[in-house]
C-alpha atoms as a PDB file:
ATOM      1  CA  MET A   1       4.124  21.240   7.220  1.00  0.00           C
ATOM      2  CA  LYS A   2       6.811  20.075   9.639  1.00  0.00           C
ATOM      3  CA  ILE A   3       6.771  16.329  10.155  1.00  0.00           C
ATOM      4  CA  LYS A   4       7.786  15.211  13.629  1.00  0.00           C
ATOM      5  CA  LEU A   5       9.686  11.962  13.258  1.00  0.00           C
ATOM      6  CA  TRP A   6      10.046  11.213  16.950  1.00  0.00           C
ATOM      7  CA  PRO A   7       7.340  10.980  19.598  1.00  0.00           C
ATOM      8  CA  ASP A   8       6.796  13.536  22.330  1.00  0.00           C
ATOM      9  CA  GLN A   9       6.849  13.110  26.085  1.00  0.00           C
ATOM     10  CA  ASP A  10       3.311  11.681  26.089  1.00  0.00           C
ATOM     11  CA  ILE A  11       4.546   8.503  24.376  1.00  0.00           C
ATOM     12  CA  LYS A  12       6.672   5.682  25.767  1.00  0.00           C
ATOM     13  CA  VAL A  13       8.540   3.763  23.047  1.00  0.00           C
ATOM     14  CA  GLN A  14       9.991   0.286  23.315  1.00  0.00           C
ATOM     15  CA  LYS A  15      12.055  -1.418  20.613  1.00  0.00           C
ATOM     16  CA  ILE A  16      11.561  -5.166  20.512  1.00  0.00           C
ATOM     17  CA  LEU A  17      12.310  -8.072  18.206  1.00  0.00           C
ATOM     18  CA  ILE A  18       9.360 -10.359  17.408  1.00  0.00           C
ATOM     19  CA  GLY A  19      10.991 -13.349  15.761  1.00  0.00           C
ATOM     20  CA  HIS A  20      13.187 -11.592  13.200  1.00  0.00           C
ATOM     21  CA  VAL A  21      10.878  -8.547  12.889  1.00  0.00           C
ATOM     22  CA  PRO A  22      12.107  -5.321  14.557  1.00  0.00           C
ATOM     23  CA  THR A  23       9.072  -3.626  16.049  1.00  0.00           C
ATOM     24  CA  LEU A  24       8.294  -0.377  17.806  1.00  0.00           C
ATOM     25  CA  VAL A  25       5.774  -0.522  20.639  1.00  0.00           C
ATOM     26  CA  LEU A  26       4.148   2.781  21.588  1.00  0.00           C
ATOM     27  CA  ARG A  27       2.292   3.190  24.870  1.00  0.00           C
ATOM     28  CA  PRO A  28       0.823   6.222  26.638  1.00  0.00           C
ATOM     29  CA  ALA A  29       3.251   7.771  29.102  1.00  0.00           C
ATOM     30  CA  HIS A  30       0.858   9.637  31.376  1.00  0.00           C
ATOM     31  CA  ARG A  31      -2.704   8.497  30.786  1.00  0.00           C
ATOM     32  CA  PRO A  32      -4.274   5.123  31.592  1.00  0.00           C
ATOM     33  CA  ARG A  33      -3.748   2.396  29.018  1.00  0.00           C
ATOM     34  CA  ILE A  34      -6.745   0.439  27.756  1.00  0.00           C
ATOM     35  CA  PRO A  35      -6.482  -3.271  26.776  1.00  0.00           C
ATOM     36  CA  VAL A  36      -6.617  -2.535  23.056  1.00  0.00           C
ATOM     37  CA  SER A  37      -3.616  -3.155  20.809  1.00  0.00           C
ATOM     38  CA  LEU A  38      -3.313  -1.655  17.329  1.00  0.00           C
ATOM     39  CA  LEU A  39      -1.097  -3.170  14.645  1.00  0.00           C
ATOM     40  CA  TRP A  40      -0.228  -0.161  12.458  1.00  0.00           C
ATOM     41  CA  ILE A  41       1.565  -0.980   9.195  1.00  0.00           C
ATOM     42  CA  HIS A  42       3.580   1.685   7.390  1.00  0.00           C
ATOM     43  CA  GLY A  43       3.253   2.544   3.715  1.00  0.00           C
ATOM     44  CA  GLY A  44       5.822   3.006   0.980  1.00  0.00           C
ATOM     45  CA  GLY A  45       4.563   0.919  -1.929  1.00  0.00           C
ATOM     46  CA  PHE A  46       6.215  -2.255  -0.524  1.00  0.00           C
ATOM     47  CA  ILE A  47       9.588  -0.837  -1.614  1.00  0.00           C
ATOM     48  CA  THR A  48      10.330   1.957   0.838  1.00  0.00           C
ATOM     49  CA  GLY A  49       9.279   3.206   4.259  1.00  0.00           C
ATOM     50  CA  MET A  50      10.216   2.213   7.789  1.00  0.00           C
ATOM     51  CA  LYS A  51       8.623   1.394  11.106  1.00  0.00           C
ATOM     52  CA  GLU A  52       9.451   4.918  12.368  1.00  0.00           C
ATOM     53  CA  MET A  53       6.850   6.301   9.967  1.00  0.00           C
ATOM     54  CA  VAL A  54       4.384   5.543  12.753  1.00  0.00           C
ATOM     55  CA  TYR A  55       5.476   8.867  14.269  1.00  0.00           C
ATOM     56  CA  MET A  56       3.900  10.756  11.361  1.00  0.00           C
ATOM     57  CA  SER A  57       0.865   8.490  11.036  1.00  0.00           C
ATOM     58  CA  ARG A  58      -2.692   8.603  12.356  1.00  0.00           C
ATOM     59  CA  ALA A  59      -1.722   5.987  14.952  1.00  0.00           C
ATOM     60  CA  LEU A  60       0.369   8.320  17.104  1.00  0.00           C
ATOM     61  CA  ASP A  61      -2.570  10.391  18.348  1.00  0.00           C
ATOM     62  CA  LEU A  62      -4.532   7.215  19.101  1.00  0.00           C
ATOM     63  CA  VAL A  63      -1.963   6.377  21.771  1.00  0.00           C
ATOM     64  CA  LYS A  64      -2.173   9.832  23.335  1.00  0.00           C
ATOM     65  CA  LYS A  65      -5.927  10.389  23.057  1.00  0.00           C
ATOM     66  CA  TYR A  66      -7.333   6.935  23.759  1.00  0.00           C
ATOM     67  CA  GLY A  67      -4.631   4.982  25.570  1.00  0.00           C
ATOM     68  CA  VAL A  68      -4.182   2.190  23.025  1.00  0.00           C
ATOM     69  CA  THR A  69      -0.895   0.370  22.494  1.00  0.00           C
ATOM     70  CA  VAL A  70       0.501   0.540  18.955  1.00  0.00           C
ATOM     71  CA  TYR A  71       2.822  -2.001  17.341  1.00  0.00           C
ATOM     72  CA  SER A  72       4.715  -0.804  14.256  1.00  0.00           C
ATOM     73  CA  PRO A  73       6.548  -3.654  12.479  1.00  0.00           C
ATOM     74  CA  GLY A  74       9.676  -3.133  10.406  1.00  0.00           C
ATOM     75  CA  TYR A  75       8.634  -5.639   7.779  1.00  0.00           C
ATOM     76  CA  ARG A  76      10.998  -6.687   4.984  1.00  0.00           C
ATOM     77  CA  LEU A  77      10.797  -4.586   1.819  1.00  0.00           C
ATOM     78  CA  ALA A  78      10.381  -5.908  -1.693  1.00  0.00           C
ATOM     79  CA  TRP A  79      13.718  -4.683  -3.060  1.00  0.00           C
ATOM     80  CA  ARG A  80      15.318  -7.747  -1.488  1.00  0.00           C
ATOM     81  CA  ASN A  81      12.392  -9.745  -0.168  1.00  0.00           C
ATOM     82  CA  PRO A  82       9.317 -10.024  -2.413  1.00  0.00           C
ATOM     83  CA  TYR A  83       5.939 -11.459  -1.431  1.00  0.00           C
ATOM     84  CA  PRO A  84       5.206 -13.149   0.950  1.00  0.00           C
ATOM     85  CA  ALA A  85       7.909 -11.636   3.185  1.00  0.00           C
ATOM     86  CA  ALA A  86       6.029  -8.453   4.169  1.00  0.00           C
ATOM     87  CA  VAL A  87       2.694 -10.063   4.991  1.00  0.00           C
ATOM     88  CA  LYS A  88       4.407 -12.911   6.873  1.00  0.00           C
ATOM     89  CA  ASP A  89       6.320 -10.400   8.994  1.00  0.00           C
ATOM     90  CA  CYS A  90       3.173  -8.419   9.811  1.00  0.00           C
ATOM     91  CA  TYR A  91       1.273 -11.592  10.641  1.00  0.00           C
ATOM     92  CA  LYS A  92       4.056 -12.722  12.974  1.00  0.00           C
ATOM     93  CA  VAL A  93       3.641  -9.492  14.941  1.00  0.00           C
ATOM     94  CA  LEU A  94      -0.134  -9.983  14.953  1.00  0.00           C
ATOM     95  CA  GLU A  95       0.274 -13.474  16.436  1.00  0.00           C
ATOM     96  CA  HIS A  96       2.460 -12.007  19.189  1.00  0.00           C
ATOM     97  CA  MET A  97      -0.202  -9.393  19.917  1.00  0.00           C
ATOM     98  CA  THR A  98      -3.057 -11.902  20.128  1.00  0.00           C
ATOM     99  CA  ARG A  99      -1.163 -13.900  22.749  1.00  0.00           C
ATOM    100  CA  ARG A 100      -1.571 -10.919  25.082  1.00  0.00           C
ATOM    101  CA  GLN A 101      -5.331 -11.633  25.151  1.00  0.00           C
ATOM    102  CA  GLU A 102      -6.185  -8.031  24.329  1.00  0.00           C
ATOM    103  CA  THR A 103      -8.590  -6.638  21.770  1.00  0.00           C
ATOM    104  CA  VAL A 104      -6.667  -6.279  18.490  1.00  0.00           C
ATOM    105  CA  ILE A 105      -7.275  -3.731  15.730  1.00  0.00           C
ATOM    106  CA  VAL A 106      -5.286  -3.525  12.492  1.00  0.00           C
ATOM    107  CA  GLY A 107      -4.631  -0.435  10.387  1.00  0.00           C
ATOM    108  CA  GLY A 108      -2.127   1.207   8.103  1.00  0.00           C
ATOM    109  CA  GLU A 109      -1.728   3.553   5.195  1.00  0.00           C
ATOM    110  CA  SER A 110      -1.127   2.930   1.481  1.00  0.00           C
ATOM    111  CA  ALA A 111       0.840  -0.325   1.083  1.00  0.00           C
ATOM    112  CA  GLY A 112       0.371  -0.696   4.833  1.00  0.00           C
ATOM    113  CA  GLY A 113      -3.371  -0.452   4.233  1.00  0.00           C
ATOM    114  CA  GLY A 114      -3.100  -3.246   1.688  1.00  0.00           C
ATOM    115  CA  LEU A 115      -1.098  -5.327   4.153  1.00  0.00           C
ATOM    116  CA  CYS A 116      -3.750  -4.529   6.767  1.00  0.00           C
ATOM    117  CA  ALA A 117      -6.433  -6.025   4.507  1.00  0.00           C
ATOM    118  CA  ALA A 118      -4.248  -9.044   3.714  1.00  0.00           C
ATOM    119  CA  VAL A 119      -3.480  -9.683   7.388  1.00  0.00           C
ATOM    120  CA  CYS A 120      -7.186  -9.480   8.218  1.00  0.00           C
ATOM    121  CA  MET A 121      -7.945 -12.078   5.534  1.00  0.00           C
ATOM    122  CA  MET A 122      -5.151 -14.322   6.736  1.00  0.00           C
ATOM    123  CA  ALA A 123      -6.310 -13.992  10.349  1.00  0.00           C
ATOM    124  CA  ARG A 124      -9.899 -14.869   9.455  1.00  0.00           C
ATOM    125  CA  ASP A 125      -8.757 -17.928   7.519  1.00  0.00           C
ATOM    126  CA  ARG A 126      -6.499 -19.080  10.367  1.00  0.00           C
ATOM    127  CA  GLY A 127      -8.865 -18.427  13.246  1.00  0.00           C
ATOM    128  CA  LEU A 128      -7.420 -15.262  14.814  1.00  0.00           C
ATOM    129  CA  HIS A 129      -9.887 -12.545  15.793  1.00  0.00           C
ATOM    130  CA  ILE A 130      -9.416  -8.937  14.705  1.00  0.00           C
ATOM    131  CA  ALA A 131     -11.988  -6.507  16.058  1.00  0.00           C
ATOM    132  CA  TYR A 132     -11.715  -3.722  13.431  1.00  0.00           C
ATOM    133  CA  GLN A 133      -9.666  -2.710  10.416  1.00  0.00           C
ATOM    134  CA  PHE A 134      -8.588   0.774   9.296  1.00  0.00           C
ATOM    135  CA  PRO A 135      -6.839   0.388   5.907  1.00  0.00           C
ATOM    136  CA  LEU A 136      -6.363   4.015   4.820  1.00  0.00           C
ATOM    137  CA  TYR A 137      -6.182   4.651   1.036  1.00  0.00           C
ATOM    138  CA  PRO A 138      -5.008   1.041   0.693  1.00  0.00           C
ATOM    139  CA  MET A 139      -2.869  -0.468  -2.064  1.00  0.00           C
ATOM    140  CA  LEU A 140      -5.035  -3.477  -2.877  1.00  0.00           C
ATOM    141  CA  SER A 141      -4.921  -4.326  -6.589  1.00  0.00           C
ATOM    142  CA  ASN A 142      -1.937  -5.416  -8.674  1.00  0.00           C
ATOM    143  CA  LEU A 143      -4.153  -5.077 -11.765  1.00  0.00           C
ATOM    144  CA  ASP A 144      -4.933  -1.618 -13.131  1.00  0.00           C
ATOM    145  CA  THR A 145      -8.250  -0.065 -12.189  1.00  0.00           C
ATOM    146  CA  GLU A 146     -10.026   2.898 -13.716  1.00  0.00           C
ATOM    147  CA  SER A 147      -8.286   5.247 -11.286  1.00  0.00           C
ATOM    148  CA  SER A 148      -4.825   3.621 -11.168  1.00  0.00           C
ATOM    149  CA  ARG A 149      -4.469   3.418 -14.958  1.00  0.00           C
ATOM    150  CA  ASP A 150      -2.785   6.491 -16.472  1.00  0.00           C
ATOM    151  CA  ASN A 151      -2.796   8.311 -13.136  1.00  0.00           C
ATOM    152  CA  HIS A 152      -0.559  11.347 -12.672  1.00  0.00           C
ATOM    153  CA  GLY A 153      -1.493  12.206  -9.101  1.00  0.00           C
ATOM    154  CA  ARG A 154       0.851  13.747  -6.585  1.00  0.00           C
ATOM    155  CA  ILE A 155       3.069  11.514  -4.410  1.00  0.00           C
ATOM    156  CA  TRP A 156       1.871   8.239  -6.032  1.00  0.00           C
ATOM    157  CA  ASN A 157       0.976   7.529  -9.656  1.00  0.00           C
ATOM    158  CA  THR A 158       0.759   4.744 -12.238  1.00  0.00           C
ATOM    159  CA  ARG A 159       4.506   4.528 -12.834  1.00  0.00           C
ATOM    160  CA  ARG A 160       5.342   4.205  -9.146  1.00  0.00           C
ATOM    161  CA  ASN A 161       2.449   1.830  -8.586  1.00  0.00           C
ATOM    162  CA  HIS A 162       3.671  -0.511 -11.316  1.00  0.00           C
ATOM    163  CA  LEU A 163       7.180  -0.428  -9.869  1.00  0.00           C
ATOM    164  CA  GLY A 164       5.927  -1.320  -6.399  1.00  0.00           C
ATOM    165  CA  TRP A 165       3.854  -4.257  -7.605  1.00  0.00           C
ATOM    166  CA  ARG A 166       6.553  -5.477  -9.987  1.00  0.00           C
ATOM    167  CA  LEU A 167       9.101  -5.674  -7.184  1.00  0.00           C
ATOM    168  CA  TYR A 168       6.640  -7.142  -4.680  1.00  0.00           C
ATOM    169  CA  LEU A 169       5.234  -9.849  -6.981  1.00  0.00           C
ATOM    170  CA  ARG A 170       8.135 -10.144  -9.458  1.00  0.00           C
ATOM    171  CA  SER A 171       7.100 -12.149 -12.533  1.00  0.00           C
ATOM    172  CA  ALA A 172       3.519 -12.542 -11.254  1.00  0.00           C
ATOM    173  CA  TRP A 173       2.821  -8.818 -10.963  1.00  0.00           C
ATOM    174  CA  LYS A 174       0.307  -8.738 -13.840  1.00  0.00           C
ATOM    175  CA  ARG A 175      -1.419 -11.990 -12.929  1.00  0.00           C
ATOM    176  CA  ARG A 176      -4.368 -12.716 -10.661  1.00  0.00           C
ATOM    177  CA  VAL A 177      -2.585 -13.703  -7.480  1.00  0.00           C
ATOM    178  CA  SER A 178      -3.564 -14.758  -3.970  1.00  0.00           C
ATOM    179  CA  PRO A 179      -5.606 -12.224  -1.968  1.00  0.00           C
ATOM    180  CA  TYR A 180      -2.866 -12.425   0.649  1.00  0.00           C
ATOM    181  CA  ALA A 181      -0.654 -10.807  -2.005  1.00  0.00           C
ATOM    182  CA  ALA A 182      -3.249  -8.460  -3.545  1.00  0.00           C
ATOM    183  CA  PRO A 183      -6.427  -8.283  -1.436  1.00  0.00           C
ATOM    184  CA  ALA A 184      -8.537  -7.013  -4.356  1.00  0.00           C
ATOM    185  CA  ASN A 185      -8.421 -10.600  -5.649  1.00  0.00           C
ATOM    186  CA  GLN A 186     -10.473 -11.839  -2.696  1.00  0.00           C
ATOM    187  CA  THR A 187     -13.715 -13.614  -3.598  1.00  0.00           C
ATOM    188  CA  ASP A 188     -15.095 -14.235  -0.082  1.00  0.00           C
ATOM    189  CA  TYR A 189     -15.439 -11.155   2.135  1.00  0.00           C
ATOM    190  CA  ARG A 190     -17.636 -12.785   4.776  1.00  0.00           C
ATOM    191  CA  ASN A 191     -16.610 -12.530   8.438  1.00  0.00           C
ATOM    192  CA  LEU A 192     -13.878  -9.991   7.848  1.00  0.00           C
ATOM    193  CA  PRO A 193     -13.565  -7.236  10.491  1.00  0.00           C
ATOM    194  CA  PRO A 194     -15.672  -4.074  10.302  1.00  0.00           C
ATOM    195  CA  CYS A 195     -13.864  -1.438   8.271  1.00  0.00           C
ATOM    196  CA  TYR A 196     -13.391   2.305   7.998  1.00  0.00           C
ATOM    197  CA  THR A 197     -11.210   4.046   5.445  1.00  0.00           C
ATOM    198  CA  PHE A 198     -10.821   7.239   3.471  1.00  0.00           C
ATOM    199  CA  VAL A 199      -9.284   8.079   0.095  1.00  0.00           C
ATOM    200  CA  GLY A 200      -8.799  10.916  -2.392  1.00  0.00           C
ATOM    201  CA  ASP A 201     -10.879  10.868  -5.576  1.00  0.00           C
ATOM    202  CA  GLY A 202      -7.916  11.746  -7.814  1.00  0.00           C
ATOM    203  CA  GLU A 203      -5.349   9.280  -6.525  1.00  0.00           C
ATOM    204  CA  PRO A 204      -4.551   5.818  -7.934  1.00  0.00           C
ATOM    205  CA  PHE A 205      -6.204   3.818  -5.127  1.00  0.00           C
ATOM    206  CA  TYR A 206      -9.606   5.531  -5.349  1.00  0.00           C
ATOM    207  CA  MET A 207     -11.480   2.789  -7.228  1.00  0.00           C
ATOM    208  CA  GLU A 208      -9.935  -0.194  -5.457  1.00  0.00           C
ATOM    209  CA  THR A 209     -10.752   1.385  -2.083  1.00  0.00           C
ATOM    210  CA  LEU A 210     -14.396   1.910  -3.075  1.00  0.00           C
ATOM    211  CA  GLU A 211     -14.624  -1.629  -4.449  1.00  0.00           C
ATOM    212  CA  TYR A 212     -13.147  -3.100  -1.268  1.00  0.00           C
ATOM    213  CA  VAL A 213     -15.728  -1.326   0.886  1.00  0.00           C
ATOM    214  CA  HIS A 214     -18.516  -2.318  -1.508  1.00  0.00           C
ATOM    215  CA  HIS A 215     -17.528  -6.001  -1.388  1.00  0.00           C
ATOM    216  CA  LEU A 216     -17.435  -5.920   2.416  1.00  0.00           C
ATOM    217  CA  GLN A 217     -20.894  -4.352   2.531  1.00  0.00           C
ATOM    218  CA  GLU A 218     -22.253  -6.941   0.089  1.00  0.00           C
ATOM    219  CA  ALA A 219     -20.927  -9.666   2.404  1.00  0.00           C
ATOM    220  CA  GLY A 220     -22.740  -8.151   5.388  1.00  0.00           C
ATOM    221  CA  VAL A 221     -19.664  -6.558   6.949  1.00  0.00           C
ATOM    222  CA  ALA A 222     -20.060  -3.039   8.355  1.00  0.00           C
ATOM    223  CA  ALA A 223     -17.832  -0.828   6.213  1.00  0.00           C
ATOM    224  CA  GLU A 224     -17.618   2.900   5.483  1.00  0.00           C
ATOM    225  CA  VAL A 225     -15.465   5.118   3.289  1.00  0.00           C
ATOM    226  CA  ASP A 226     -15.068   8.885   3.170  1.00  0.00           C
ATOM    227  CA  VAL A 227     -13.931  10.408  -0.125  1.00  0.00           C
ATOM    228  CA  TYR A 228     -11.992  13.682  -0.337  1.00  0.00           C
ATOM    229  CA  HIS A 229     -11.447  15.811  -3.425  1.00  0.00           C
ATOM    230  CA  THR A 230      -7.678  15.605  -3.945  1.00  0.00           C
ATOM    231  CA  ASP A 231      -5.104  13.878  -6.138  1.00  0.00           C
ATOM    232  CA  MET A 232      -2.511  13.880  -3.324  1.00  0.00           C
ATOM    233  CA  HIS A 233      -1.895  10.403  -1.971  1.00  0.00           C
ATOM    234  CA  ALA A 234      -1.467  10.344   1.834  1.00  0.00           C
ATOM    235  CA  PHE A 235      -2.597  13.975   1.980  1.00  0.00           C
ATOM    236  CA  ASP A 236      -3.479  13.699   5.672  1.00  0.00           C
ATOM    237  CA  MET A 237       0.153  12.903   6.529  1.00  0.00           C
ATOM    238  CA  LEU A 238       1.795  15.359   4.173  1.00  0.00           C
ATOM    239  CA  LYS A 239      -0.293  18.527   4.152  1.00  0.00           C
ATOM    240  CA  ASP A 240      -1.652  20.552   7.075  1.00  0.00           C
ATOM    241  CA  ASP A 241      -4.796  22.119   5.638  1.00  0.00           C
ATOM    242  CA  ALA A 242      -8.560  22.085   6.104  1.00  0.00           C
ATOM    243  CA  LEU A 243      -8.976  18.903   4.051  1.00  0.00           C
ATOM    244  CA  SER A 244      -6.429  16.991   6.116  1.00  0.00           C
ATOM    245  CA  ARG A 245      -7.880  18.255   9.387  1.00  0.00           C
ATOM    246  CA  ASP A 246     -11.350  17.163   8.263  1.00  0.00           C
ATOM    247  CA  ALA A 247     -10.043  13.687   7.366  1.00  0.00           C
ATOM    248  CA  ILE A 248      -8.291  13.362  10.729  1.00  0.00           C
ATOM    249  CA  ILE A 249     -11.399  14.407  12.658  1.00  0.00           C
ATOM    250  CA  ASN A 250     -13.548  11.899  10.791  1.00  0.00           C
ATOM    251  CA  PHE A 251     -10.981   9.115  11.194  1.00  0.00           C
ATOM    252  CA  GLU A 252     -10.749   9.655  14.942  1.00  0.00           C
ATOM    253  CA  ARG A 253     -14.533   9.825  15.229  1.00  0.00           C
ATOM    254  CA  HIS A 254     -14.785   6.392  13.604  1.00  0.00           C
ATOM    255  CA  PHE A 255     -12.030   5.070  15.857  1.00  0.00           C
ATOM    256  CA  GLU A 256     -13.952   6.354  18.881  1.00  0.00           C
ATOM    257  CA  GLN A 257     -17.066   4.614  17.600  1.00  0.00           C
ATOM    258  CA  ALA A 258     -15.108   1.370  17.299  1.00  0.00           C
ATOM    259  CA  LEU A 259     -13.883   1.712  20.894  1.00  0.00           C
ATOM    260  CA  ASP A 260     -17.439   2.448  22.039  1.00  0.00           C
ATOM    261  CA  ALA A 261     -18.700  -0.704  20.322  1.00  0.00           C
ATOM    262  CA  LEU A 262     -15.952  -2.713  22.025  1.00  0.00           C
ATOM    263  CA  GLY A 263     -16.817  -1.292  25.441  1.00  0.00           C
ATOM    264  CA  PHE A 264     -13.832   1.044  25.739  1.00  0.00           C
ATOM    265  CA  GLY A 265     -15.564   4.373  25.183  1.00  0.00           C
ATOM    266  CA  ALA A 266     -14.883   7.596  27.057  1.00  0.00           C
ATOM    267  CA  GLU A 267     -17.396   6.726  29.738  1.00  0.00           C
ATOM    268  CA  ASP A 268     -15.349   3.593  30.528  1.00  0.00           C
ATOM    269  CA  ASP A 269     -12.012   5.434  30.551  1.00  0.00           C
ATOM    270  CA  THR A 270     -10.566   5.500  34.037  1.00  0.00           C
END
């Protein structure tokens, strides 16, 4: 599969600095824009990745198909800047977005999915409203789960997972830390945004993703997860096959449903 790292002519890209955080802003070039902004946070296990990964993410087509505006923050990585640098950077961009008085949605993949969950928790606790969250196969737990322990999946596995958490949390990486650092440690899931996600059943984040959705549901939050039979982490971004196409179709269907619920469905698109 060829991965297109730069957007096509249907996307307008602006590079801005929000505080100290370099950020890409993607807007539709030819279709009407709707007043919905999406904070999309890249993955990379807290230790790698870049804001330009948005060009190979699920977020790119949301700009073209639905007219949303996407913000992709270049948050600080854990090699040099451990927790709380990454979540603080993402939250700074979120604060900038909320000042525009638009509907705000948060999403991301892998470590970006974990940061998505953390930002949603931080926003709830500080009084900022997020309409929906889309944390795809999120990196949520610094403590081993049944699926992250002794995992030899493709792309991401136990060894890489331990390295990511060790650099992000340093000496605290095996302790029960703040849910802003590892969202699986949350004890109060009430009033968090409605959630949709998907995950592979053979990858490290399988169990923590299911548990996150279960806790949201127990707290009365609308939450759904689709499970795909694969041990390839981020398979939808890395492999062009029937499984990935199915995941993309289902993801976009849930995003459409979120827009419908917010009053920005196709029938309102002008």
